[in-house]
Protein backbone atom coordinates (compact mmCIF):
# COMPACT_ATOMS: atom_id res chain seq x y z
CA UNK A 1 -0.01 -0.05 -0.01
CA UNK A 2 1.17 3.42 -0.76
CA UNK A 3 4.42 4.21 -2.80
CA UNK A 4 6.96 4.69 0.19
CA UNK A 5 7.91 2.17 2.84
CA UNK A 6 7.14 3.98 6.13
CA UNK A 7 7.43 2.55 9.59
CA UNK A 8 4.64 4.47 11.30
CA UNK A 9 0.94 4.67 10.46
CA UNK A 10 1.25 8.47 9.96
CA UNK A 11 3.84 8.24 7.23
CA UNK A 12 2.07 5.61 5.45
CA UNK A 13 -1.18 7.70 5.44
CA UNK A 14 0.82 10.66 4.17
CA UNK A 15 2.37 8.76 1.47
CA UNK A 16 -1.03 8.99 -0.36
CA UNK A 17 -0.46 12.63 -1.10
CA UNK A 18 1.60 13.64 -4.13
CA UNK A 19 3.90 16.21 -2.66
CA UNK A 20 5.35 17.35 -5.99
CA UNK A 21 2.01 19.05 -6.79
CA UNK A 22 2.39 21.39 -3.70
CA UNK A 23 5.40 23.49 -4.51
CA UNK A 24 3.82 26.79 -4.09
CA UNK A 25 6.25 29.72 -4.15
CA UNK A 26 3.71 32.41 -3.93
CA UNK A 27 1.66 30.64 -1.17
CA UNK A 28 4.74 29.98 0.90
CA UNK A 29 6.40 33.35 0.28
CA UNK A 30 8.01 34.35 3.55
CA UNK A 31 6.54 31.45 5.39
CA UNK A 32 9.39 29.87 7.50
CA UNK A 33 7.71 26.99 9.36
CA UNK A 34 4.24 25.97 8.34
CA UNK A 35 4.67 25.56 4.62
CA UNK A 36 1.64 24.52 2.46
CA UNK A 37 2.17 20.94 2.39
CA UNK A 38 3.11 20.75 5.98
CA UNK A 39 -0.12 22.51 6.89
CA UNK A 40 -2.20 20.21 4.55
CA UNK A 41 -0.58 17.14 6.45
CA UNK A 42 -1.26 18.51 9.89
CA UNK A 43 -4.81 19.30 9.18
CA UNK A 44 -5.42 16.08 7.41
CA UNK A 45 -4.04 14.24 10.51
CA UNK A 46 -6.48 16.29 12.60
CA UNK A 47 -9.45 15.02 10.64
CA UNK A 48 -8.32 11.45 10.60
CA UNK A 49 -7.37 11.48 14.33
CA UNK A 50 -10.36 13.59 15.34
CA UNK A 51 -8.45 16.43 17.14
CA UNK A 52 -10.82 18.93 18.54
CA UNK A 53 -9.10 22.39 18.37
CA UNK A 54 -6.09 24.16 17.14
CA UNK A 55 -4.74 23.74 20.74
CA UNK A 56 -4.94 20.10 20.35
CA UNK A 57 -3.33 20.06 17.02
CA UNK A 58 -0.38 22.27 18.51
CA UNK A 59 -0.22 19.88 21.49
CA UNK A 60 -0.13 16.64 19.42
CA UNK A 61 2.68 17.95 17.20
CA UNK A 62 4.62 19.15 20.24
CA UNK A 63 4.52 15.88 22.11
CA UNK A 64 4.60 13.34 19.23
CA UNK A 65 8.05 12.63 17.92
CA UNK A 66 6.50 10.41 15.13
CA UNK A 67 4.28 13.31 13.86
CA UNK A 68 7.29 15.82 13.99
CA UNK A 69 9.31 13.33 11.83
CA UNK A 70 6.43 12.74 9.26
CA UNK A 71 5.69 16.53 8.98
CA UNK A 72 9.31 17.71 9.43
CA UNK A 73 8.14 20.14 12.03
CA UNK A 74 9.10 20.20 15.70
CA UNK A 75 6.27 22.63 17.03
CA UNK A 76 3.71 25.16 15.83
CA UNK A 77 1.44 27.51 17.78
CA UNK A 78 -2.27 27.19 17.65
CA UNK A 79 -2.64 30.76 16.40
CA UNK A 80 -0.32 30.03 13.49
CA UNK A 81 -2.34 27.05 12.46
CA UNK A 82 -5.36 29.08 12.57
CA UNK A 83 -3.90 31.82 10.26
CA UNK A 84 -2.42 29.42 7.82
CA UNK A 85 -5.59 27.44 7.39
CA UNK A 86 -7.36 30.49 6.41
CA UNK A 87 -4.91 31.32 3.57
CA UNK A 88 -4.28 27.87 2.00
CA UNK A 89 -5.10 28.12 -1.55
CA UNK A 90 -8.52 26.28 -1.82
CA UNK A 91 -8.09 25.19 -5.52
CA UNK A 92 -4.98 23.31 -4.39
CA UNK A 93 -7.05 21.41 -1.79
CA UNK A 94 -9.81 20.88 -4.37
CA UNK A 95 -7.30 19.33 -6.66
CA UNK A 96 -5.75 17.28 -4.12
CA UNK A 97 -9.32 15.85 -3.28
CA UNK A 98 -9.91 15.03 -7.05
CA UNK A 99 -6.44 13.29 -7.31
CA UNK A 100 -7.15 11.17 -4.35
CA UNK A 101 -10.70 10.19 -5.53
CA UNK A 102 -9.31 9.42 -8.97
CA UNK A 103 -7.02 6.74 -7.10
CA UNK A 104 -10.16 5.49 -5.44
CA UNK A 105 -11.89 4.91 -8.82
CA UNK A 106 -8.80 3.02 -10.13
CA UNK A 107 -9.13 0.42 -7.17
CA UNK A 108 -12.84 0.26 -7.60
CA UNK A 109 -13.88 -0.69 -11.06
CA UNK A 110 -17.45 0.85 -11.95
CA UNK A 111 -19.12 -2.38 -12.88
CA UNK A 112 -22.96 -1.87 -13.03
CA UNK A 113 -26.08 -3.41 -14.04
CA UNK A 114 -28.02 -2.53 -17.33
CA UNK A 115 -29.12 0.95 -15.86
CA UNK A 116 -25.61 1.92 -15.32
CA UNK A 117 -24.03 3.96 -12.36
CA UNK A 118 -26.08 6.53 -10.72
CA UNK A 119 -24.97 9.90 -9.72
CA UNK A 120 -26.79 11.81 -6.69
CA UNK A 121 -26.67 15.53 -6.36
CA UNK A 122 -27.73 17.09 -2.95
CA UNK A 123 -26.51 19.42 -0.23
CA UNK A 124 -26.20 19.56 3.63
CA UNK A 125 -25.82 22.41 6.09
CA UNK A 126 -23.16 23.13 8.75
CA UNK A 127 -24.44 25.64 11.44
CA UNK A 128 -22.16 28.46 12.59
CA UNK A 129 -22.39 30.73 15.58
CA UNK A 130 -24.10 33.91 14.50
CA UNK A 131 -21.62 36.14 16.68
CA UNK A 132 -18.61 34.65 14.85
CA UNK A 133 -19.97 34.20 11.37
CA UNK A 134 -22.32 37.02 10.32
CA UNK A 135 -21.19 36.70 6.70
CA UNK A 136 -23.02 33.39 6.68
CA UNK A 137 -26.30 34.96 8.28
CA UNK A 138 -29.39 33.30 6.91
CA UNK A 139 -32.16 34.21 9.26
CA UNK A 140 -32.68 35.19 12.84
CA UNK A 141 -32.51 31.56 13.89
CA UNK A 142 -30.06 30.26 11.39
CA UNK A 143 -26.39 31.16 10.36
CA UNK A 144 -24.92 28.30 8.19
CA UNK A 145 -22.98 27.25 5.14
CA UNK A 146 -23.71 24.46 2.81
CA UNK A 147 -21.87 21.73 1.09
CA UNK A 148 -23.27 21.03 -2.45
CA UNK A 149 -22.17 17.50 -3.27
CA UNK A 150 -22.15 15.00 -6.20
CA UNK A 151 -21.51 11.44 -5.33
CA UNK A 152 -21.23 8.36 -7.60
CA UNK A 153 -23.49 5.49 -6.33
CA UNK A 154 -22.48 2.03 -7.44
CA UNK A 155 -24.84 -1.05 -7.44
CA UNK A 156 -23.23 -2.55 -4.23
CA UNK A 157 -24.07 0.67 -2.28
CA UNK A 158 -20.49 2.22 -2.44
CA UNK A 159 -20.33 5.93 -2.51
CA UNK A 160 -17.57 7.97 -4.21
CA UNK A 161 -17.62 11.60 -3.72
CA UNK A 162 -16.91 13.49 -6.92
CA UNK A 163 -17.47 17.16 -6.63
CA UNK A 164 -18.01 19.66 -3.82
CA UNK A 165 -19.13 23.33 -3.97
CA UNK A 166 -19.12 25.10 -0.61
CA UNK A 167 -21.47 28.05 -0.16
CA UNK A 168 -23.31 30.28 2.21
CA UNK A 169 -26.57 28.78 3.36
CA UNK A 170 -28.67 31.36 1.16
CA UNK A 171 -27.46 29.63 -2.07
CA UNK A 172 -30.30 27.52 -3.24
CA UNK A 173 -29.75 23.97 -4.46
CA UNK A 174 -30.87 24.66 -7.91
CA UNK A 175 -28.31 27.25 -8.40
CA UNK A 176 -25.63 24.77 -8.17
CA UNK A 177 -27.44 22.18 -10.47
CA UNK A 178 -25.67 23.22 -13.70
CA UNK A 179 -22.29 23.03 -11.94
CA UNK A 180 -23.00 19.56 -10.56
CA UNK A 181 -24.98 17.92 -13.56
CA UNK A 182 -23.25 16.95 -16.67
CA UNK A 183 -23.90 15.27 -19.72
CA UNK A 184 -22.03 12.06 -19.29
CA UNK A 185 -24.60 9.48 -19.96
CA UNK A 186 -25.26 8.56 -16.29
CA UNK A 187 -28.41 9.23 -14.46
CA UNK A 188 -28.62 12.00 -11.96
CA UNK A 189 -30.87 11.67 -8.99
CA UNK A 190 -32.00 14.87 -7.17
CA UNK A 191 -34.65 15.97 -4.62
CA UNK A 192 -37.15 18.67 -4.70
CA UNK A 193 -34.68 21.52 -4.22
CA UNK A 194 -33.36 21.19 -7.75
CA UNK A 195 -36.64 21.68 -9.58
CA UNK A 196 -36.57 24.49 -11.91
CA UNK A 197 -38.46 24.31 -15.24
CA UNK A 198 -35.82 26.35 -17.28
CA UNK A 199 -33.25 23.79 -16.15
CA UNK A 200 -35.37 20.82 -16.86
CA UNK A 201 -35.71 22.25 -20.53
CA UNK A 202 -31.99 22.67 -20.88
CA UNK A 203 -31.20 19.03 -19.67
CA UNK A 204 -33.89 17.67 -21.91
CA UNK A 205 -32.59 19.65 -24.81
CA UNK A 206 -28.90 18.34 -23.99
CA UNK A 207 -30.03 14.64 -23.50
CA UNK A 208 -29.12 14.75 -19.70
CA UNK A 209 -30.64 11.77 -18.01
CA UNK A 210 -32.23 12.83 -14.57
CA UNK A 211 -34.47 11.57 -11.90
CA UNK A 212 -35.97 14.44 -9.94
CA UNK A 213 -38.62 14.47 -7.30
CA UNK A 214 -41.15 17.28 -7.38
CA UNK A 215 -43.87 18.69 -5.14
CA UNK A 216 -47.64 18.56 -5.40
CA UNK A 217 -47.58 22.29 -6.09
CA UNK A 218 -45.81 21.50 -9.47
CA UNK A 219 -49.05 20.94 -11.50
CA UNK A 220 -49.34 19.34 -15.00
CA UNK A 221 -49.96 21.81 -17.75
CA UNK A 222 -50.60 19.39 -20.55
CA UNK A 223 -50.76 15.68 -20.76
CA UNK A 224 -49.17 14.29 -23.93
CA UNK A 225 -50.15 10.64 -22.91
CA UNK A 226 -50.99 8.21 -20.10
CA UNK A 227 -49.02 4.95 -20.10
CA UNK A 228 -50.75 1.78 -18.68
CA UNK A 229 -50.02 0.82 -15.15
CA UNK A 230 -49.40 -2.92 -14.37
CA UNK A 231 -51.79 -4.45 -12.14
CA UNK A 232 -50.74 -5.08 -8.41
CA UNK A 233 -48.11 -2.46 -8.85
CA UNK A 234 -47.15 0.32 -6.22
CA UNK A 235 -46.98 2.83 -9.22
CA UNK A 236 -49.93 4.79 -9.38
CA UNK A 237 -49.31 7.14 -12.53
CA UNK A 238 -47.04 6.99 -15.45
CA UNK A 239 -47.54 9.90 -18.07
CA UNK A 240 -45.76 12.03 -20.56
CA UNK A 241 -46.49 15.70 -19.65
CA UNK A 242 -45.67 19.27 -19.68
CA UNK A 243 -45.19 20.65 -16.08
CA UNK A 244 -46.45 24.01 -15.04
CA UNK A 245 -49.28 26.59 -14.81
CA UNK A 246 -50.64 29.57 -16.49
CA UNK A 247 -47.61 31.50 -15.21
CA UNK A 248 -44.78 29.27 -16.24
CA UNK A 249 -44.51 25.80 -17.97
CA UNK A 250 -41.82 23.40 -19.40
CA UNK A 251 -41.28 23.78 -22.95
CA UNK A 252 -40.32 20.04 -23.39
CA UNK A 253 -42.22 16.88 -22.47
CA UNK A 254 -40.97 15.16 -19.24
CA UNK A 255 -42.19 11.80 -17.82
CA UNK A 256 -44.06 11.98 -14.56
CA UNK A 257 -43.98 8.69 -12.35
CA UNK A 258 -46.09 8.72 -9.09
CA UNK A 259 -46.04 6.00 -6.54
CA UNK A 260 -46.44 5.20 -2.76
CA UNK A 261 -43.74 3.85 -0.55
CA UNK A 262 -44.45 1.30 2.40
CA UNK A 263 -45.35 4.18 4.71
CA UNK A 264 -47.95 5.39 2.42
CA UNK A 265 -45.94 8.51 1.44
CA UNK A 266 -46.63 9.93 -2.10
CA UNK A 267 -43.66 10.51 -4.37
CA UNK A 268 -43.89 12.38 -7.66
CA UNK A 269 -40.92 12.00 -10.00
CA UNK A 270 -40.04 14.05 -13.12
CA UNK A 271 -37.56 12.23 -15.21
CA UNK A 272 -36.07 12.33 -18.77
CA UNK A 273 -35.57 8.45 -18.67
CA UNK A 274 -38.36 7.49 -21.20
CA UNK A 275 -36.70 4.27 -21.83
CA UNK A 276 -37.00 2.74 -18.45
CA UNK A 277 -39.81 1.01 -16.82
CA UNK A 278 -41.72 3.07 -14.27
CA UNK A 279 -40.62 0.78 -11.43
CA UNK A 280 -37.01 1.19 -12.35
CA UNK A 281 -37.33 5.06 -12.08
CA UNK A 282 -38.83 4.59 -8.63
CA UNK A 283 -35.92 2.24 -7.62
CA UNK A 284 -33.38 4.60 -9.00
CA UNK A 285 -34.98 7.45 -6.90
CA UNK A 286 -34.70 5.31 -3.70
CA UNK A 287 -30.89 5.32 -4.06
CA UNK A 288 -30.94 8.99 -3.07
CA UNK A 289 -30.82 8.09 0.56
CA UNK A 290 -27.14 6.99 -0.09
CA UNK A 291 -25.95 10.53 -0.13
CA UNK A 292 -27.81 11.12 3.26
CA UNK A 293 -25.85 8.29 4.71
CA UNK A 294 -22.65 9.86 3.43
CA UNK A 295 -23.52 13.34 4.91
CA UNK A 296 -24.35 11.72 8.21
CA UNK A 297 -20.93 9.45 8.08
CA UNK A 298 -18.92 12.87 7.42
CA UNK A 299 -20.63 14.72 10.26
CA UNK A 300 -20.45 11.90 12.72
CA UNK A 301 -16.91 10.56 12.03
CA UNK A 302 -14.78 13.63 10.85
CA UNK A 303 -14.59 17.21 12.04
CA UNK A 304 -17.31 18.76 10.23
CA UNK A 305 -19.82 19.74 12.72
CA UNK A 306 -17.48 21.65 15.21
CA UNK A 307 -15.54 23.58 12.58
CA UNK A 308 -12.07 24.95 13.49
CA UNK A 309 -12.44 28.20 11.71
CA UNK A 310 -15.44 30.52 11.17
CA UNK A 311 -13.68 32.39 8.28
CA UNK A 312 -15.05 31.41 4.77
CA UNK A 313 -11.69 30.33 3.46
CA UNK A 314 -10.86 28.32 6.63
CA UNK A 315 -14.31 26.47 6.16
CA UNK A 316 -14.01 25.76 2.55
CA UNK A 317 -10.46 24.41 3.31
CA UNK A 318 -11.49 22.19 6.22
CA UNK A 319 -14.32 20.89 3.95
CA UNK A 320 -11.96 19.74 1.18
CA UNK A 321 -9.53 18.19 3.78
CA UNK A 322 -12.25 16.31 5.40
CA UNK A 323 -13.15 14.88 1.92
CA UNK A 324 -9.43 14.23 1.28
CA UNK A 325 -9.51 12.26 4.71
CA UNK A 326 -12.59 10.26 3.58
CA UNK A 327 -10.89 9.36 0.32
CA UNK A 328 -7.75 8.25 1.99
CA UNK A 329 -9.74 5.93 4.34
CA UNK A 330 -11.51 4.46 1.44
CA UNK A 331 -8.18 3.99 -0.28
CA UNK A 332 -6.83 2.09 2.63
CA UNK A 333 -9.99 -0.07 2.81
CA UNK A 334 -9.84 -0.99 -0.97
CA UNK A 335 -6.13 -1.49 -1.34
CA UNK A 336 -5.91 -3.80 1.84
CA UNK A 337 -8.75 -5.82 0.79
CA UNK A 338 -10.09 -5.76 4.30
CA UNK A 339 -13.65 -6.69 5.16
CA UNK A 340 -13.99 -4.01 7.85
CA UNK A 341 -16.34 -1.01 7.18
CA UNK A 342 -15.08 2.44 6.42
CA UNK A 343 -15.83 3.37 10.01
CA UNK A 344 -13.88 0.43 11.35
CA UNK A 345 -11.01 1.32 9.14
CA UNK A 346 -10.97 4.89 10.54
CA UNK A 347 -11.18 3.67 14.16
CA UNK A 348 -8.22 1.28 13.42
CA UNK A 349 -6.22 4.25 12.12
CA UNK A 350 -6.93 6.17 15.06
CA UNK A 351 -6.10 3.42 17.47
CA UNK A 352 -2.75 2.89 15.72
CA UNK A 353 -1.85 6.38 14.71
CA UNK A 354 1.37 6.49 16.24
CA UNK A 355 2.20 2.82 16.09
CA UNK A 356 3.82 0.78 13.25
CA UNK A 357 1.86 0.27 9.84
CA UNK A 358 2.33 -3.58 10.50
CA UNK A 359 -0.05 -3.16 13.34
CA UNK A 360 -2.71 -1.54 11.27
CA UNK A 361 -2.44 -4.24 8.63
CA UNK A 362 -3.01 -6.89 11.26
CA UNK A 363 -5.97 -5.06 12.68
CA UNK A 364 -7.42 -4.71 9.06
CA UNK A 365 -7.35 -8.51 8.75
CA UNK A 366 -8.09 -9.93 12.13
CA UNK A 367 -7.70 -13.66 12.69
CA UNK A 368 -10.18 -15.68 14.49
CA UNK A 369 -8.58 -17.42 17.34
CA UNK A 370 -11.12 -19.99 17.92
CA UNK A 371 -14.59 -20.98 17.02
CA UNK A 372 -17.55 -20.65 19.50
CA UNK A 373 -21.25 -21.20 19.61
CA UNK A 374 -21.46 -18.25 22.10
CA UNK A 375 -23.19 -18.32 25.50
CA UNK A 376 -26.19 -20.44 25.29
CA UNK A 377 -29.51 -19.04 26.37
CA UNK A 378 -31.02 -20.72 29.44
CA UNK A 379 -34.83 -20.71 29.39
CA UNK A 380 -36.35 -18.34 32.09
CA UNK A 381 -38.07 -19.82 35.13
CA UNK A 382 -40.32 -16.95 35.64
CA UNK A 383 -39.10 -13.37 36.45
CA UNK A 384 -36.49 -13.37 39.25
CA UNK A 385 -34.45 -10.48 40.52
CA UNK A 386 -30.83 -10.72 39.95
CA UNK A 387 -28.55 -11.55 43.22
CA UNK A 388 -27.16 -8.18 44.52
CA UNK A 389 -23.52 -8.67 45.65
CA UNK A 390 -23.50 -5.71 47.65
CA UNK A 391 -25.56 -4.01 50.52
CA UNK A 392 -25.76 -0.71 48.70
CA UNK A 393 -28.93 0.07 46.69
CA UNK A 394 -32.26 -1.55 46.53
CA UNK A 395 -33.90 -3.89 43.94
CA UNK A 396 -37.67 -4.14 44.40
CA UNK A 397 -39.39 -7.25 42.74
CA UNK A 398 -41.82 -6.60 40.15
CA UNK A 399 -45.45 -7.29 40.95
CA UNK A 400 -46.85 -10.57 39.47
CA UNK A 401 -49.79 -9.95 36.98
């Protein structure tokens, strides 16, 4: 794994970064200690190891010889890390993210069924304190930024993040639609925030394949034809229509598929996939939950809920470095051939962060010491209170019915 043989887990993780692309004389002009590549490594380490603050980043570097050797830096103050994160060139970090994702794709062949791979587009919000980030003010109760994402969903449920656009919270989802959706032959799945008739017409004119949920308020202006519904199907309507009202309509025909889920919730889907079965379109839309799981994973396991910085450049940079950390963890999972989940791989890295890489490899491929049927369940003989081994506390038996 990696191109360089390194003794510690830290150095092995850093070997996934191509340092030759980070010789930035303008960015590093008059910078004596925390050069661009060193800052990138330090913040990447903080994402993987889940360090909580600039102070902890400074302390970890100060107290860890292994980290000092890997970054070639003995110490740095918390304030210097804060200032440097704000001025890192965001386009360089975006390029690093795209390069690392490219390596992931090489290790994960995109094999797919007859429908082909599906790309999902959506956004998630990160809340900020209003007193420290008034530039991201949205309303009296909300100050936030957004991450607009495009991910590639594969048939086995794998998710590969492909593109990210950070923004303030007042940027609507449909405003980023034309930046995230391309005419590449794959099907794009989107939720109700991406509905815009003018954009639908542009996608239809350019043969972009999309599956987009719409609201009840998006009426049908004209019905071209109604398609037959199979008996005993959860599909309730399949039609070729023009959407809109007296005020505004789509110029081109779209396909409207309506169905109910297991909880009785109604879904209305506008799509340009005229060649697929209505059931296939419904099942394609159901894959949209994969991006919600991705957002949840990023927020729970990486430093994206409590951000280090409240400056826009600092937040943008932390977002891309968090995505790089995700891609690195995925690379380790794929190249090692482990059966562990992404979360288990990340936990292993955190547990062995300052230890030899050989220990990480052994943890990624745990060996069963012996087989066991486990503790056998003994049939209960009525409800009995457990025996208390101390005189402290009271257990009152439950009354018999």
